[in-house]
Amino acid sequence: MDAIQLLNTLGSLSPDTLITNPGGEPVVSAISINAPAREVWKVVGDFGGFTQFIPELASIEVIGNGPGSVRYKKFKEGGLVVIEQLNSYDDDAMAMTWTTIYNNLGVSKLWASMTVVPKDSVSCVATWAIIAEPVDNGSTSVEGFREFLQGFADGAMKNVPGAVMSS
């Protein structure tokens, strides 16, 4: 089949995607850490290393390198999984962003960022920002959903200092 025949068989199909950015206000979890920014970035800036500070995760598998790579996160309980794509990664600026492609957590769309900003040579602030929308099935209120996200992010970020010290 040549290219013209192939195009004719596509009919009304055209490029599309199910990945769209969420709307709403970000949930932000920031923590001041008494450690050099580079040491903290080694932990929170490791796209495949979130098991270091999120104890609920059983495993993470990363396919690819850099922006466009995909991570498959399995949680310890409930058969919960999340598949995410790394959108941007700037090692010099200590910043990255990612988008959820699939999950069974009740999240319809999710975009997140992780940054580390030095305060001085021995301390910094690590910030995880999340913009997300719940699955539209009415089972969770918007406020309940935001509380869930905030609690999850805060719980993870509280573990970062210990992860930095043990790395």
Protein backbone atom coordinates (compact mmCIF):
# COMPACT_ATOMS: atom_id res chain seq x y z
CA MET A 1 0.00 0.00 0.00
CA ASP A 2 1.45 3.38 -0.94
CA ALA A 3 1.13 6.58 1.12
CA ILE A 4 -1.87 7.91 -0.82
CA GLN A 5 -3.79 4.65 -0.42
CA LEU A 6 -2.98 4.68 3.30
CA LEU A 7 -4.25 8.25 3.69
CA ASN A 8 -7.46 7.34 1.87
CA THR A 9 -8.08 4.45 4.27
CA LEU A 10 -7.74 6.76 7.29
CA GLY A 11 -10.87 8.59 6.24
CA SER A 12 -11.90 11.04 8.95
CA LEU A 13 -9.10 10.13 11.37
CA SER A 14 -6.77 12.95 12.33
CA PRO A 15 -4.06 13.42 14.96
CA ASP A 16 -5.46 13.54 18.48
CA THR A 17 -4.42 12.90 22.09
CA LEU A 18 -6.00 12.18 25.44
CA ILE A 19 -3.20 13.94 27.32
CA THR A 20 -4.29 17.44 28.27
CA ASN A 21 -3.20 19.75 31.04
CA PRO A 22 -5.43 20.05 34.10
CA GLY A 23 -6.95 23.27 35.33
CA GLY A 24 -7.23 24.69 38.79
CA GLU A 25 -5.04 25.97 41.57
CA PRO A 26 -1.83 24.11 42.36
CA VAL A 27 -1.31 22.12 45.52
CA VAL A 28 2.14 23.11 46.78
CA SER A 29 4.30 21.29 49.29
CA ALA A 30 7.60 22.98 50.15
CA ILE A 31 10.17 22.02 52.73
CA SER A 32 13.25 23.83 53.94
CA ILE A 33 16.15 21.41 54.28
CA ASN A 34 19.50 21.86 56.01
CA ALA A 35 21.51 20.28 53.21
CA PRO A 36 23.16 21.61 50.07
CA ALA A 37 20.73 22.04 47.18
CA ARG A 38 22.69 19.66 44.92
CA GLU A 39 22.43 16.87 47.52
CA VAL A 40 18.66 17.38 47.80
CA TRP A 41 18.30 17.50 44.00
CA LYS A 42 20.03 14.11 43.75
CA VAL A 43 17.04 12.70 45.66
CA VAL A 44 13.98 14.70 44.50
CA GLY A 45 15.34 15.27 40.99
CA ASP A 46 15.74 11.56 40.32
CA PHE A 47 12.68 10.80 38.16
CA GLY A 48 13.07 7.10 38.88
CA GLY A 49 13.99 7.49 42.55
CA PHE A 50 10.80 8.65 44.26
CA THR A 51 10.74 5.41 46.28
CA GLN A 52 13.49 7.07 48.36
CA PHE A 53 10.95 9.44 49.93
CA ILE A 54 7.53 7.96 49.16
CA PRO A 55 7.28 4.80 51.28
CA GLU A 56 3.91 3.86 49.74
CA LEU A 57 5.67 3.04 46.46
CA ALA A 58 6.73 -0.55 45.88
CA SER A 59 8.71 0.10 42.70
CA ILE A 60 9.42 2.45 39.83
CA GLU A 61 10.54 1.45 36.36
CA VAL A 62 11.73 4.17 33.98
CA ILE A 63 11.75 3.63 30.23
CA GLY A 64 13.95 6.05 28.30
CA ASN A 65 16.14 8.95 29.34
CA GLY A 66 15.38 12.63 29.76
CA PRO A 67 12.25 14.44 28.59
CA GLY A 68 9.83 12.01 26.98
CA SER A 69 10.87 9.13 29.22
CA VAL A 70 8.09 7.29 31.03
CA ARG A 71 7.96 5.96 34.58
CA TYR A 72 5.73 3.16 35.83
CA LYS A 73 5.04 3.45 39.55
CA LYS A 74 3.51 0.56 41.51
CA PHE A 75 2.15 1.16 45.00
CA LYS A 76 2.49 -1.38 47.81
CA GLU A 77 -1.24 -1.64 48.40
CA GLY A 78 -4.37 -1.98 46.36
CA GLY A 79 -2.90 -2.71 42.94
CA LEU A 80 -2.52 1.04 42.38
CA VAL A 81 -0.34 2.15 39.47
CA VAL A 82 0.63 5.43 37.86
CA ILE A 83 2.30 5.96 34.49
CA GLU A 84 3.89 9.37 33.94
CA GLN A 85 5.90 11.12 31.25
CA LEU A 86 8.80 13.44 32.02
CA ASN A 87 8.07 16.70 30.20
CA SER A 88 11.08 18.80 31.11
CA TYR A 89 14.28 18.35 33.08
CA ASP A 90 16.83 21.08 33.82
CA ASP A 91 19.66 19.80 35.99
CA ASP A 92 21.33 23.22 36.19
CA ALA A 93 18.12 24.94 37.36
CA MET A 94 17.19 21.88 39.50
CA ALA A 95 13.68 21.73 38.05
CA MET A 96 11.54 19.12 36.29
CA THR A 97 7.93 18.64 35.23
CA TRP A 98 5.85 15.57 34.41
CA THR A 99 2.35 14.58 33.36
CA THR A 100 0.26 11.57 34.27
CA ILE A 101 -0.62 9.39 31.31
CA TYR A 102 -2.55 6.70 33.20
CA ASN A 103 -3.49 5.92 36.79
CA ASN A 104 -6.13 4.11 38.79
CA LEU A 105 -6.02 6.57 41.71
CA GLY A 106 -9.10 8.58 40.76
CA VAL A 107 -7.09 11.30 39.04
CA SER A 108 -8.27 12.39 35.61
CA LYS A 109 -5.41 14.77 34.73
CA LEU A 110 -2.23 15.64 36.61
CA TRP A 111 0.74 17.90 35.95
CA ALA A 112 3.51 18.30 38.52
CA SER A 113 6.83 20.00 39.05
CA MET A 114 9.72 19.50 41.44
CA THR A 115 12.24 22.26 42.12
CA VAL A 116 15.11 22.87 44.51
CA VAL A 117 16.22 26.43 45.26
CA PRO A 118 19.35 27.10 47.34
CA LYS A 119 18.96 29.39 50.36
CA ASP A 120 22.70 29.40 50.99
CA SER A 121 25.56 26.90 50.57
CA VAL A 122 24.18 24.48 53.19
CA SER A 123 20.38 24.80 52.95
CA CYS A 124 17.63 24.92 50.35
CA VAL A 125 13.91 24.70 49.70
CA ALA A 126 12.48 21.74 47.79
CA THR A 127 9.02 22.34 46.30
CA TRP A 128 6.56 19.89 44.76
CA ALA A 129 3.67 21.56 42.93
CA ILE A 130 0.73 19.57 41.59
CA ILE A 131 -2.18 20.66 39.43
CA ALA A 132 -4.74 17.89 39.08
CA GLU A 133 -8.38 17.12 38.46
CA PRO A 134 -10.36 14.24 39.98
CA VAL A 135 -12.09 11.68 37.82
CA ASP A 136 -15.53 13.09 37.15
CA ASN A 137 -17.64 10.46 38.84
CA GLY A 138 -18.80 12.55 41.78
CA SER A 139 -17.34 10.18 44.39
CA THR A 140 -14.91 12.80 45.78
CA SER A 141 -15.50 16.48 46.36
CA VAL A 142 -13.02 18.92 44.87
CA GLU A 143 -11.99 19.94 48.39
CA GLY A 144 -11.59 16.30 49.46
CA PHE A 145 -9.47 15.65 46.38
CA ARG A 146 -7.24 18.66 47.10
CA GLU A 147 -6.86 17.52 50.73
CA PHE A 148 -5.82 14.05 49.53
CA LEU A 149 -3.20 15.54 47.17
CA GLN A 150 -1.90 17.95 49.81
CA GLY A 151 -1.62 15.21 52.42
CA PHE A 152 0.17 12.88 50.03
CA ALA A 153 2.64 15.55 48.87
CA ASP A 154 3.28 16.84 52.42
CA GLY A 155 3.85 13.31 53.71
CA ALA A 156 6.34 12.59 50.93
CA MET A 157 8.22 15.86 51.31
CA LYS A 158 8.61 15.32 55.08
CA ASN A 159 10.61 12.20 54.20
CA VAL A 160 13.08 14.04 51.94
CA PRO A 161 15.56 15.14 54.67
CA GLY A 162 15.96 11.53 55.86
CA ALA A 163 16.36 10.31 52.27
CA VAL A 164 19.05 12.95 51.66
CA MET A 165 20.94 11.92 54.79
CA SER A 166 20.86 8.23 53.82
CA SER A 167 21.89 8.78 50.20
